[in-house]
């Protein structure tokens, strides 16, 4: 199973295995990662699963679709390059080692 690192705003890292086919948001939810609220349950109807993707991973992820880009406008301090919604990141074997940082707060 791919290992995903969720780093909180203080630098503490939670490294968990997430099954292929789940989303990065579901991996956080299933492993009780603090800071990923996922209020809409993964419907891309909020921005409470917002993270900053480690720069080394930006080019390895699928591009943002229009719905995700629209929702990111409501995120806390979005970064045009690094911000992603974890509900839109489907886990594949290629994401083994992905590192994301959770913002100080969710919108």
PDB file of N, CA and C in Angstrom:
ATOM      1  N   UNK A   1       0.838  -1.185   0.000  1.00  0.00           N
ATOM      2  CA  UNK A   1       0.000   0.000   0.000  1.00  0.00           C
ATOM      3  C   UNK A   1       0.882   1.249   0.000  1.00  0.00           C
ATOM      4  N   UNK A   2       0.487   2.266  -0.752  1.00  0.00           N
ATOM      5  CA  UNK A   2       1.243   3.516  -0.755  1.00  0.00           C
ATOM      6  C   UNK A   2       1.242   4.177   0.628  1.00  0.00           C
ATOM      7  N   UNK A   3       2.355   4.784   0.961  1.00  0.00           N
ATOM      8  CA  UNK A   3       2.477   5.519   2.228  1.00  0.00           C
ATOM      9  C   UNK A   3       2.354   7.006   1.915  1.00  0.00           C
ATOM     10  N   UNK A   4       1.479   7.666   2.667  1.00  0.00           N
ATOM     11  CA  UNK A   4       1.247   9.105   2.522  1.00  0.00           C
ATOM     12  C   UNK A   4       1.672   9.763   3.836  1.00  0.00           C
ATOM     13  N   UNK A   5       2.389  10.883   3.724  1.00  0.00           N
ATOM     14  CA  UNK A   5       2.783  11.649   4.900  1.00  0.00           C
ATOM     15  C   UNK A   5       1.931  12.897   4.969  1.00  0.00           C
ATOM     16  N   UNK A   6       1.211  13.028   6.085  1.00  0.00           N
ATOM     17  CA  UNK A   6       0.408  14.214   6.380  1.00  0.00           C
ATOM     18  C   UNK A   6       1.167  14.981   7.455  1.00  0.00           C
ATOM     19  N   UNK A   7       1.620  16.160   7.111  1.00  0.00           N
ATOM     20  CA  UNK A   7       2.380  16.973   8.060  1.00  0.00           C
ATOM     21  C   UNK A   7       1.479  18.073   8.591  1.00  0.00           C
ATOM     22  N   UNK A   8       1.435  18.224   9.916  1.00  0.00           N
ATOM     23  CA  UNK A   8       0.597  19.294  10.465  1.00  0.00           C
ATOM     24  C   UNK A   8       1.373  20.611  10.445  1.00  0.00           C
ATOM     25  N   UNK A   9       0.708  21.723  10.751  1.00  0.00           N
ATOM     26  CA  UNK A   9       1.367  23.029  10.644  1.00  0.00           C
ATOM     27  C   UNK A   9       2.582  23.199  11.552  1.00  0.00           C
ATOM     28  N   UNK A  10       2.692  22.385  12.597  1.00  0.00           N
ATOM     29  CA  UNK A  10       3.839  22.477  13.502  1.00  0.00           C
ATOM     30  C   UNK A  10       5.010  21.627  13.030  1.00  0.00           C
ATOM     31  N   UNK A  11       4.799  20.839  11.963  1.00  0.00           N
ATOM     32  CA  UNK A  11       5.860  19.986  11.452  1.00  0.00           C
ATOM     33  C   UNK A  11       5.748  18.530  11.850  1.00  0.00           C
ATOM     34  N   UNK A  12       4.806  18.202  12.747  1.00  0.00           N
ATOM     35  CA  UNK A  12       4.617  16.799  13.156  1.00  0.00           C
ATOM     36  C   UNK A  12       4.095  16.001  11.970  1.00  0.00           C
ATOM     37  N   UNK A  13       4.673  14.829  11.732  1.00  0.00           N
ATOM     38  CA  UNK A  13       4.304  14.009  10.579  1.00  0.00           C
ATOM     39  C   UNK A  13       3.533  12.773  10.998  1.00  0.00           C
ATOM     40  N   UNK A  14       2.477  12.498  10.243  1.00  0.00           N
ATOM     41  CA  UNK A  14       1.690  11.278  10.393  1.00  0.00           C
ATOM     42  C   UNK A  14       1.891  10.502   9.096  1.00  0.00           C
ATOM     43  N   UNK A  15       2.571   9.369   9.161  1.00  0.00           N
ATOM     44  CA  UNK A  15       2.813   8.554   7.977  1.00  0.00           C
ATOM     45  C   UNK A  15       1.896   7.342   8.057  1.00  0.00           C
ATOM     46  N   UNK A  16       1.025   7.213   7.054  1.00  0.00           N
ATOM     47  CA  UNK A  16       0.058   6.113   7.062  1.00  0.00           C
ATOM     48  C   UNK A  16       0.017   5.438   5.697  1.00  0.00           C
ATOM     49  N   UNK A  17      -0.426   4.212   5.697  1.00  0.00           N
ATOM     50  CA  UNK A  17      -0.653   3.495   4.456  1.00  0.00           C
ATOM     51  C   UNK A  17      -2.093   3.726   4.035  1.00  0.00           C
ATOM     52  N   UNK A  18      -2.283   4.003   2.749  1.00  0.00           N
ATOM     53  CA  UNK A  18      -3.611   4.269   2.205  1.00  0.00           C
ATOM     54  C   UNK A  18      -3.824   3.331   1.024  1.00  0.00           C
ATOM     55  N   UNK A  19      -4.930   2.633   1.023  1.00  0.00           N
ATOM     56  CA  UNK A  19      -5.211   1.669  -0.034  1.00  0.00           C
ATOM     57  C   UNK A  19      -5.379   2.351  -1.388  1.00  0.00           C
ATOM     58  N   UNK A  20      -4.867   1.712  -2.408  1.00  0.00           N
ATOM     59  CA  UNK A  20      -5.044   2.184  -3.778  1.00  0.00           C
ATOM     60  C   UNK A  20      -6.548   2.258  -4.061  1.00  0.00           C
ATOM     61  N   UNK A  21      -6.953   3.341  -4.695  1.00  0.00           N
ATOM     62  CA  UNK A  21      -8.361   3.545  -5.026  1.00  0.00           C
ATOM     63  C   UNK A  21      -9.080   4.501  -4.097  1.00  0.00           C
ATOM     64  N   UNK A  22      -8.578   4.627  -2.868  1.00  0.00           N
ATOM     65  CA  UNK A  22      -9.147   5.619  -1.960  1.00  0.00           C
ATOM     66  C   UNK A  22      -8.608   6.987  -2.343  1.00  0.00           C
ATOM     67  N   UNK A  23      -9.154   8.022  -1.741  1.00  0.00           N
ATOM     68  CA  UNK A  23      -8.599   9.354  -1.927  1.00  0.00           C
ATOM     69  C   UNK A  23      -7.672   9.668  -0.757  1.00  0.00           C
ATOM     70  N   UNK A  24      -6.841  10.675  -0.938  1.00  0.00           N
ATOM     71  CA  UNK A  24      -5.955  11.121   0.137  1.00  0.00           C
ATOM     72  C   UNK A  24      -6.800  11.595   1.324  1.00  0.00           C
ATOM     73  N   UNK A  25      -7.981  12.167   1.050  1.00  0.00           N
ATOM     74  CA  UNK A  25      -8.905  12.581   2.113  1.00  0.00           C
ATOM     75  C   UNK A  25      -9.411  11.367   2.890  1.00  0.00           C
ATOM     76  N   UNK A  26      -9.790  10.306   2.192  1.00  0.00           N
ATOM     77  CA  UNK A  26     -10.280   9.105   2.878  1.00  0.00           C
ATOM     78  C   UNK A  26      -9.177   8.482   3.724  1.00  0.00           C
ATOM     79  N   UNK A  27      -7.938   8.542   3.230  1.00  0.00           N
ATOM     80  CA  UNK A  27      -6.815   8.056   4.014  1.00  0.00           C
ATOM     81  C   UNK A  27      -6.656   8.829   5.310  1.00  0.00           C
ATOM     82  N   UNK A  28      -6.826  10.144   5.239  1.00  0.00           N
ATOM     83  CA  UNK A  28      -6.749  10.974   6.450  1.00  0.00           C
ATOM     84  C   UNK A  28      -7.901  10.651   7.394  1.00  0.00           C
ATOM     85  N   UNK A  29      -9.099  10.577   6.850  1.00  0.00           N
ATOM     86  CA  UNK A  29     -10.278  10.273   7.671  1.00  0.00           C
ATOM     87  C   UNK A  29     -10.152   8.911   8.347  1.00  0.00           C
ATOM     88  N   UNK A  30      -9.764   7.906   7.592  1.00  0.00           N
ATOM     89  CA  UNK A  30      -9.691   6.544   8.119  1.00  0.00           C
ATOM     90  C   UNK A  30      -8.581   6.363   9.147  1.00  0.00           C
ATOM     91  N   UNK A  31      -7.614   7.271   9.143  1.00  0.00           N
ATOM     92  CA  UNK A  31      -6.490   7.184  10.077  1.00  0.00           C
ATOM     93  C   UNK A  31      -6.497   8.293  11.116  1.00  0.00           C
ATOM     94  N   UNK A  32      -7.644   8.969  11.244  1.00  0.00           N
ATOM     95  CA  UNK A  32      -7.824  10.012  12.266  1.00  0.00           C
ATOM     96  C   UNK A  32      -6.732  11.080  12.229  1.00  0.00           C
ATOM     97  N   UNK A  33      -6.404  11.536  11.019  1.00  0.00           N
ATOM     98  CA  UNK A  33      -5.413  12.599  10.872  1.00  0.00           C
ATOM     99  C   UNK A  33      -6.074  13.926  11.247  1.00  0.00           C
ATOM    100  N   UNK A  34      -5.567  14.622  12.250  1.00  0.00           N
ATOM    101  CA  UNK A  34      -6.175  15.894  12.641  1.00  0.00           C
ATOM    102  C   UNK A  34      -5.959  16.969  11.581  1.00  0.00           C
ATOM    103  N   UNK A  35      -6.971  17.825  11.416  1.00  0.00           N
ATOM    104  CA  UNK A  35      -6.855  18.961  10.507  1.00  0.00           C
ATOM    105  C   UNK A  35      -7.506  18.756   9.160  1.00  0.00           C
ATOM    106  N   UNK A  36      -7.824  17.524   8.806  1.00  0.00           N
ATOM    107  CA  UNK A  36      -8.563  17.250   7.573  1.00  0.00           C
ATOM    108  C   UNK A  36     -10.010  17.024   8.002  1.00  0.00           C
ATOM    109  N   UNK A  37     -10.847  18.047   7.845  1.00  0.00           N
ATOM    110  CA  UNK A  37     -12.216  17.982   8.343  1.00  0.00           C
ATOM    111  C   UNK A  37     -13.148  17.235   7.400  1.00  0.00           C
ATOM    112  N   UNK A  38     -13.005  17.464   6.110  1.00  0.00           N
ATOM    113  CA  UNK A  38     -13.803  16.778   5.088  1.00  0.00           C
ATOM    114  C   UNK A  38     -15.300  16.880   5.377  1.00  0.00           C
ATOM    115  N   UNK A  39     -15.754  18.094   5.637  1.00  0.00           N
ATOM    116  CA  UNK A  39     -17.157  18.321   6.004  1.00  0.00           C
ATOM    117  C   UNK A  39     -18.152  17.813   4.974  1.00  0.00           C
ATOM    118  N   UNK A  40     -17.809  17.861   3.701  1.00  0.00           N
ATOM    119  CA  UNK A  40     -18.760  17.431   2.666  1.00  0.00           C
ATOM    120  C   UNK A  40     -18.628  15.943   2.347  1.00  0.00           C
ATOM    121  N   UNK A  41     -17.718  15.252   3.012  1.00  0.00           N
ATOM    122  CA  UNK A  41     -17.567  13.823   2.810  1.00  0.00           C
ATOM    123  C   UNK A  41     -16.904  13.427   1.500  1.00  0.00           C
ATOM    124  N   UNK A  42     -16.285  14.374   0.836  1.00  0.00           N
ATOM    125  CA  UNK A  42     -15.578  14.053  -0.395  1.00  0.00           C
ATOM    126  C   UNK A  42     -16.315  14.426  -1.659  1.00  0.00           C
ATOM    127  N   UNK A  43     -17.353  15.238  -1.539  1.00  0.00           N
ATOM    128  CA  UNK A  43     -18.155  15.628  -2.702  1.00  0.00           C
ATOM    129  C   UNK A  43     -17.608  16.853  -3.428  1.00  0.00           C
ATOM    130  N   UNK A  44     -16.486  17.370  -2.999  1.00  0.00           N
ATOM    131  CA  UNK A  44     -15.887  18.584  -3.561  1.00  0.00           C
ATOM    132  C   UNK A  44     -16.878  19.751  -3.487  1.00  0.00           C
ATOM    133  N   UNK A  45     -17.532  19.855  -2.323  1.00  0.00           N
ATOM    134  CA  UNK A  45     -18.508  20.914  -2.099  1.00  0.00           C
ATOM    135  C   UNK A  45     -18.069  21.850  -0.975  1.00  0.00           C
ATOM    136  N   UNK A  46     -16.831  21.699  -0.525  1.00  0.00           N
ATOM    137  CA  UNK A  46     -16.277  22.583   0.501  1.00  0.00           C
ATOM    138  C   UNK A  46     -14.764  22.608   0.278  1.00  0.00           C
ATOM    139  N   UNK A  47     -14.050  23.208   1.180  1.00  0.00           N
ATOM    140  CA  UNK A  47     -12.589  23.211   1.047  1.00  0.00           C
ATOM    141  C   UNK A  47     -11.924  22.787   2.350  1.00  0.00           C
ATOM    142  N   UNK A  48     -12.613  21.964   3.130  1.00  0.00           N
ATOM    143  CA  UNK A  48     -12.100  21.590   4.448  1.00  0.00           C
ATOM    144  C   UNK A  48     -11.184  20.369   4.434  1.00  0.00           C
ATOM    145  N   UNK A  49     -10.766  19.965   3.237  1.00  0.00           N
ATOM    146  CA  UNK A  49      -9.740  18.918   3.130  1.00  0.00           C
ATOM    147  C   UNK A  49      -8.530  19.468   2.390  1.00  0.00           C
ATOM    148  N   UNK A  50      -8.380  20.771   2.427  1.00  0.00           N
ATOM    149  CA  UNK A  50      -7.294  21.490   1.745  1.00  0.00           C
ATOM    150  C   UNK A  50      -5.937  21.130   2.347  1.00  0.00           C
ATOM    151  N   UNK A  51      -4.951  20.952   1.476  1.00  0.00           N
ATOM    152  CA  UNK A  51      -3.564  20.742   1.894  1.00  0.00           C
ATOM    153  C   UNK A  51      -2.639  21.467   0.926  1.00  0.00           C
ATOM    154  N   UNK A  52      -1.381  21.586   1.344  1.00  0.00           N
ATOM    155  CA  UNK A  52      -0.318  22.075   0.477  1.00  0.00           C
ATOM    156  C   UNK A  52       0.531  20.868   0.092  1.00  0.00           C
ATOM    157  N   UNK A  53       0.661  20.627  -1.190  1.00  0.00           N
ATOM    158  CA  UNK A  53       1.440  19.502  -1.687  1.00  0.00           C
ATOM    159  C   UNK A  53       2.921  19.875  -1.681  1.00  0.00           C
ATOM    160  N   UNK A  54       3.749  18.947  -1.230  1.00  0.00           N
ATOM    161  CA  UNK A  54       5.190  19.157  -1.276  1.00  0.00           C
ATOM    162  C   UNK A  54       5.597  19.463  -2.719  1.00  0.00           C
ATOM    163  N   UNK A  55       6.449  20.476  -2.910  1.00  0.00           N
ATOM    164  CA  UNK A  55       6.814  20.883  -4.271  1.00  0.00           C
ATOM    165  C   UNK A  55       7.322  19.746  -5.166  1.00  0.00           C
ATOM    166  N   UNK A  56       7.978  18.758  -4.598  1.00  0.00           N
ATOM    167  CA  UNK A  56       8.500  17.644  -5.387  1.00  0.00           C
ATOM    168  C   UNK A  56       7.389  16.800  -6.011  1.00  0.00           C
ATOM    169  N   UNK A  57       6.172  16.921  -5.502  1.00  0.00           N
ATOM    170  CA  UNK A  57       5.059  16.099  -5.963  1.00  0.00           C
ATOM    171  C   UNK A  57       4.099  16.820  -6.898  1.00  0.00           C
ATOM    172  N   UNK A  58       4.216  18.117  -7.036  1.00  0.00           N
ATOM    173  CA  UNK A  58       3.231  18.883  -7.813  1.00  0.00           C
ATOM    174  C   UNK A  58       3.077  18.344  -9.231  1.00  0.00           C
ATOM    175  N   UNK A  59       4.154  18.102  -9.922  1.00  0.00           N
ATOM    176  CA  UNK A  59       4.079  17.626 -11.299  1.00  0.00           C
ATOM    177  C   UNK A  59       3.688  16.173 -11.446  1.00  0.00           C
ATOM    178  N   UNK A  60       3.610  15.437 -10.345  1.00  0.00           N
ATOM    179  CA  UNK A  60       3.275  14.019 -10.389  1.00  0.00           C
ATOM    180  C   UNK A  60       1.791  13.752 -10.161  1.00  0.00           C
ATOM    181  N   UNK A  61       1.040  14.787  -9.815  1.00  0.00           N
ATOM    182  CA  UNK A  61      -0.384  14.637  -9.528  1.00  0.00           C
ATOM    183  C   UNK A  61      -1.213  14.970 -10.755  1.00  0.00           C
ATOM    184  N   UNK A  62      -2.410  14.421 -10.793  1.00  0.00           N
ATOM    185  CA  UNK A  62      -3.332  14.799 -11.861  1.00  0.00           C
ATOM    186  C   UNK A  62      -3.646  16.287 -11.717  1.00  0.00           C
ATOM    187  N   UNK A  63      -3.882  16.964 -12.835  1.00  0.00           N
ATOM    188  CA  UNK A  63      -4.160  18.406 -12.741  1.00  0.00           C
ATOM    189  C   UNK A  63      -5.490  18.682 -12.042  1.00  0.00           C
ATOM    190  N   UNK A  64      -5.594  19.888 -11.493  1.00  0.00           N
ATOM    191  CA  UNK A  64      -6.847  20.328 -10.873  1.00  0.00           C
ATOM    192  C   UNK A  64      -7.913  20.451 -11.950  1.00  0.00           C
ATOM    193  N   UNK A  65      -9.112  19.993 -11.630  1.00  0.00           N
ATOM    194  CA  UNK A  65     -10.223  20.248 -12.545  1.00  0.00           C
ATOM    195  C   UNK A  65     -10.898  21.556 -12.129  1.00  0.00           C
ATOM    196  N   UNK A  66     -11.850  21.998 -12.911  1.00  0.00           N
ATOM    197  CA  UNK A  66     -12.500  23.287 -12.662  1.00  0.00           C
ATOM    198  C   UNK A  66     -13.212  23.323 -11.317  1.00  0.00           C
ATOM    199  N   UNK A  67     -13.864  22.216 -10.942  1.00  0.00           N
ATOM    200  CA  UNK A  67     -14.591  22.170  -9.668  1.00  0.00           C
ATOM    201  C   UNK A  67     -13.624  22.353  -8.491  1.00  0.00           C
ATOM    202  N   UNK A  68     -12.497  21.663  -8.528  1.00  0.00           N
ATOM    203  CA  UNK A  68     -11.515  21.792  -7.450  1.00  0.00           C
ATOM    204  C   UNK A  68     -10.954  23.212  -7.403  1.00  0.00           C
ATOM    205  N   UNK A  69     -10.618  23.757  -8.553  1.00  0.00           N
ATOM    206  CA  UNK A  69     -10.088  25.125  -8.595  1.00  0.00           C
ATOM    207  C   UNK A  69     -11.083  26.112  -8.000  1.00  0.00           C
ATOM    208  N   UNK A  70     -12.366  25.939  -8.306  1.00  0.00           N
ATOM    209  CA  UNK A  70     -13.394  26.818  -7.745  1.00  0.00           C
ATOM    210  C   UNK A  70     -13.473  26.691  -6.229  1.00  0.00           C
ATOM    211  N   UNK A  71     -13.439  25.477  -5.706  1.00  0.00           N
ATOM    212  CA  UNK A  71     -13.532  25.267  -4.260  1.00  0.00           C
ATOM    213  C   UNK A  71     -12.295  25.794  -3.541  1.00  0.00           C
ATOM    214  N   UNK A  72     -11.146  25.722  -4.173  1.00  0.00           N
ATOM    215  CA  UNK A  72      -9.923  26.220  -3.537  1.00  0.00           C
ATOM    216  C   UNK A  72      -9.956  27.720  -3.307  1.00  0.00           C
ATOM    217  N   UNK A  73     -10.806  28.430  -4.026  1.00  0.00           N
ATOM    218  CA  UNK A  73     -10.954  29.870  -3.785  1.00  0.00           C
ATOM    219  C   UNK A  73     -11.462  30.155  -2.379  1.00  0.00           C
ATOM    220  N   UNK A  74     -12.124  29.168  -1.750  1.00  0.00           N
ATOM    221  CA  UNK A  74     -12.678  29.335  -0.409  1.00  0.00           C
ATOM    222  C   UNK A  74     -11.751  28.788   0.672  1.00  0.00           C
ATOM    223  N   UNK A  75     -10.609  28.228   0.287  1.00  0.00           N
ATOM    224  CA  UNK A  75      -9.684  27.628   1.239  1.00  0.00           C
ATOM    225  C   UNK A  75      -8.935  28.700   2.020  1.00  0.00           C
ATOM    226  N   UNK A  76      -8.422  28.302   3.170  1.00  0.00           N
ATOM    227  CA  UNK A  76      -7.596  29.184   3.989  1.00  0.00           C
ATOM    228  C   UNK A  76      -6.236  29.341   3.330  1.00  0.00           C
ATOM    229  N   UNK A  77      -5.876  30.562   2.987  1.00  0.00           N
ATOM    230  CA  UNK A  77      -4.583  30.907   2.408  1.00  0.00           C
ATOM    231  C   UNK A  77      -4.149  29.939   1.306  1.00  0.00           C
ATOM    232  N   UNK A  78      -4.935  29.867   0.233  1.00  0.00           N
ATOM    233  CA  UNK A  78      -4.559  28.948  -0.851  1.00  0.00           C
ATOM    234  C   UNK A  78      -3.287  29.398  -1.565  1.00  0.00           C
ATOM    235  N   UNK A  79      -2.518  28.434  -1.992  1.00  0.00           N
ATOM    236  CA  UNK A  79      -1.308  28.680  -2.766  1.00  0.00           C
ATOM    237  C   UNK A  79      -1.611  28.249  -4.204  1.00  0.00           C
ATOM    238  N   UNK A  80      -1.435  29.120  -5.181  1.00  0.00           N
ATOM    239  CA  UNK A  80      -1.811  28.787  -6.558  1.00  0.00           C
ATOM    240  C   UNK A  80      -1.143  27.521  -7.098  1.00  0.00           C
ATOM    241  N   UNK A  81       0.049  27.211  -6.637  1.00  0.00           N
ATOM    242  CA  UNK A  81       0.774  26.037  -7.129  1.00  0.00           C
ATOM    243  C   UNK A  81       0.564  24.804  -6.256  1.00  0.00           C
ATOM    244  N   UNK A  82       0.620  24.976  -4.942  1.00  0.00           N
ATOM    245  CA  UNK A  82       0.690  23.834  -4.020  1.00  0.00           C
ATOM    246  C   UNK A  82      -0.641  23.400  -3.433  1.00  0.00           C
ATOM    247  N   UNK A  83      -1.665  24.240  -3.453  1.00  0.00           N
ATOM    248  CA  UNK A  83      -2.936  23.889  -2.812  1.00  0.00           C
ATOM    249  C   UNK A  83      -3.707  22.851  -3.615  1.00  0.00           C
ATOM    250  N   UNK A  84      -4.197  21.851  -2.900  1.00  0.00           N
ATOM    251  CA  UNK A  84      -5.050  20.824  -3.501  1.00  0.00           C
ATOM    252  C   UNK A  84      -6.093  20.416  -2.469  1.00  0.00           C
ATOM    253  N   UNK A  85      -7.197  19.870  -2.954  1.00  0.00           N
ATOM    254  CA  UNK A  85      -8.205  19.263  -2.091  1.00  0.00           C
ATOM    255  C   UNK A  85      -7.939  17.767  -2.086  1.00  0.00           C
ATOM    256  N   UNK A  86      -7.797  17.202  -0.901  1.00  0.00           N
ATOM    257  CA  UNK A  86      -7.446  15.788  -0.813  1.00  0.00           C
ATOM    258  C   UNK A  86      -8.556  14.871  -1.306  1.00  0.00           C
ATOM    259  N   UNK A  87      -9.784  15.376  -1.362  1.00  0.00           N
ATOM    260  CA  UNK A  87     -10.881  14.553  -1.887  1.00  0.00           C
ATOM    261  C   UNK A  87     -10.743  14.330  -3.388  1.00  0.00           C
ATOM    262  N   UNK A  88      -9.909  15.119  -4.051  1.00  0.00           N
ATOM    263  CA  UNK A  88      -9.730  15.022  -5.502  1.00  0.00           C
ATOM    264  C   UNK A  88      -8.453  14.277  -5.890  1.00  0.00           C
ATOM    265  N   UNK A  89      -7.714  13.815  -4.896  1.00  0.00           N
ATOM    266  CA  UNK A  89      -6.464  13.095  -5.155  1.00  0.00           C
ATOM    267  C   UNK A  89      -6.672  11.605  -4.910  1.00  0.00           C
ATOM    268  N   UNK A  90      -6.846  10.854  -5.985  1.00  0.00           N
ATOM    269  CA  UNK A  90      -7.057   9.412  -5.899  1.00  0.00           C
ATOM    270  C   UNK A  90      -5.693   8.726  -5.732  1.00  0.00           C
ATOM    271  N   UNK A  91      -5.606   7.829  -4.760  1.00  0.00           N
ATOM    272  CA  UNK A  91      -4.352   7.147  -4.452  1.00  0.00           C
ATOM    273  C   UNK A  91      -4.080   6.049  -5.480  1.00  0.00           C
ATOM    274  N   UNK A  92      -2.874   6.084  -6.025  1.00  0.00           N
ATOM    275  CA  UNK A  92      -2.358   5.040  -6.905  1.00  0.00           C
ATOM    276  C   UNK A  92      -1.001   4.622  -6.351  1.00  0.00           C
ATOM    277  N   UNK A  93      -0.441   3.578  -6.896  1.00  0.00           N
ATOM    278  CA  UNK A  93       0.892   3.162  -6.481  1.00  0.00           C
ATOM    279  C   UNK A  93       1.926   4.239  -6.718  1.00  0.00           C
ATOM    280  N   UNK A  94       1.679   5.094  -7.703  1.00  0.00           N
ATOM    281  CA  UNK A  94       2.611   6.174  -8.016  1.00  0.00           C
ATOM    282  C   UNK A  94       2.667   7.245  -6.931  1.00  0.00           C
ATOM    283  N   UNK A  95       1.694   7.247  -6.020  1.00  0.00           N
ATOM    284  CA  UNK A  95       1.689   8.260  -4.952  1.00  0.00           C
ATOM    285  C   UNK A  95       2.408   7.802  -3.689  1.00  0.00           C
ATOM    286  N   UNK A  96       3.049   6.630  -3.744  1.00  0.00           N
ATOM    287  CA  UNK A  96       3.808   6.157  -2.592  1.00  0.00           C
ATOM    288  C   UNK A  96       4.881   7.186  -2.238  1.00  0.00           C
ATOM    289  N   UNK A  97       4.820   7.717  -1.015  1.00  0.00           N
ATOM    290  CA  UNK A  97       5.765   8.722  -0.560  1.00  0.00           C
ATOM    291  C   UNK A  97       5.246  10.148  -0.630  1.00  0.00           C
ATOM    292  N   UNK A  98       4.016  10.330  -1.123  1.00  0.00           N
ATOM    293  CA  UNK A  98       3.429  11.676  -1.209  1.00  0.00           C
ATOM    294  C   UNK A  98       3.485  12.371   0.153  1.00  0.00           C
ATOM    295  N   UNK A  99       3.828  13.654   0.122  1.00  0.00           N
ATOM    296  CA  UNK A  99       3.882  14.460   1.349  1.00  0.00           C
ATOM    297  C   UNK A  99       2.968  15.658   1.158  1.00  0.00           C
ATOM    298  N   UNK A 100       2.042  15.831   2.090  1.00  0.00           N
ATOM    299  CA  UNK A 100       1.157  16.992   2.087  1.00  0.00           C
ATOM    300  C   UNK A 100       1.202  17.666   3.453  1.00  0.00           C
ATOM    301  N   UNK A 101       1.032  18.986   3.447  1.00  0.00           N
ATOM    302  CA  UNK A 101       1.015  19.737   4.710  1.00  0.00           C
ATOM    303  C   UNK A 101      -0.372  20.316   4.910  1.00  0.00           C
ATOM    304  N   UNK A 102      -0.899  20.113   6.075  1.00  0.00           N
ATOM    305  CA  UNK A 102      -2.229  20.594   6.447  1.00  0.00           C
ATOM    306  C   UNK A 102      -2.101  22.064   6.871  1.00  0.00           C
ATOM    307  N   UNK A 103      -2.986  22.944   6.381  1.00  0.00           N
ATOM    308  CA  UNK A 103      -2.892  24.354   6.774  1.00  0.00           C
ATOM    309  C   UNK A 103      -3.230  24.566   8.252  1.00  0.00           C
ATOM    310  N   UNK A 104      -2.915  25.747   8.746  1.00  0.00           N
ATOM    311  CA  UNK A 104      -3.162  26.076  10.158  1.00  0.00           C
ATOM    312  C   UNK A 104      -4.637  26.020  10.512  1.00  0.00           C
ATOM    313  N   UNK A 105      -5.492  26.233   9.532  1.00  0.00           N
ATOM    314  CA  UNK A 105      -6.931  26.089   9.754  1.00  0.00           C
ATOM    315  C   UNK A 105      -7.594  25.771   8.418  1.00  0.00           C
ATOM    316  N   UNK A 106      -8.799  25.240   8.500  1.00  0.00           N
ATOM    317  CA  UNK A 106      -9.577  24.961   7.308  1.00  0.00           C
ATOM    318  C   UNK A 106     -10.665  26.023   7.208  1.00  0.00           C
ATOM    319  N   UNK A 107     -11.033  26.372   5.992  1.00  0.00           N
ATOM    320  CA  UNK A 107     -12.052  27.407   5.790  1.00  0.00           C
ATOM    321  C   UNK A 107     -13.420  26.903   6.190  1.00  0.00           C
TER     322      UNK A 107
END
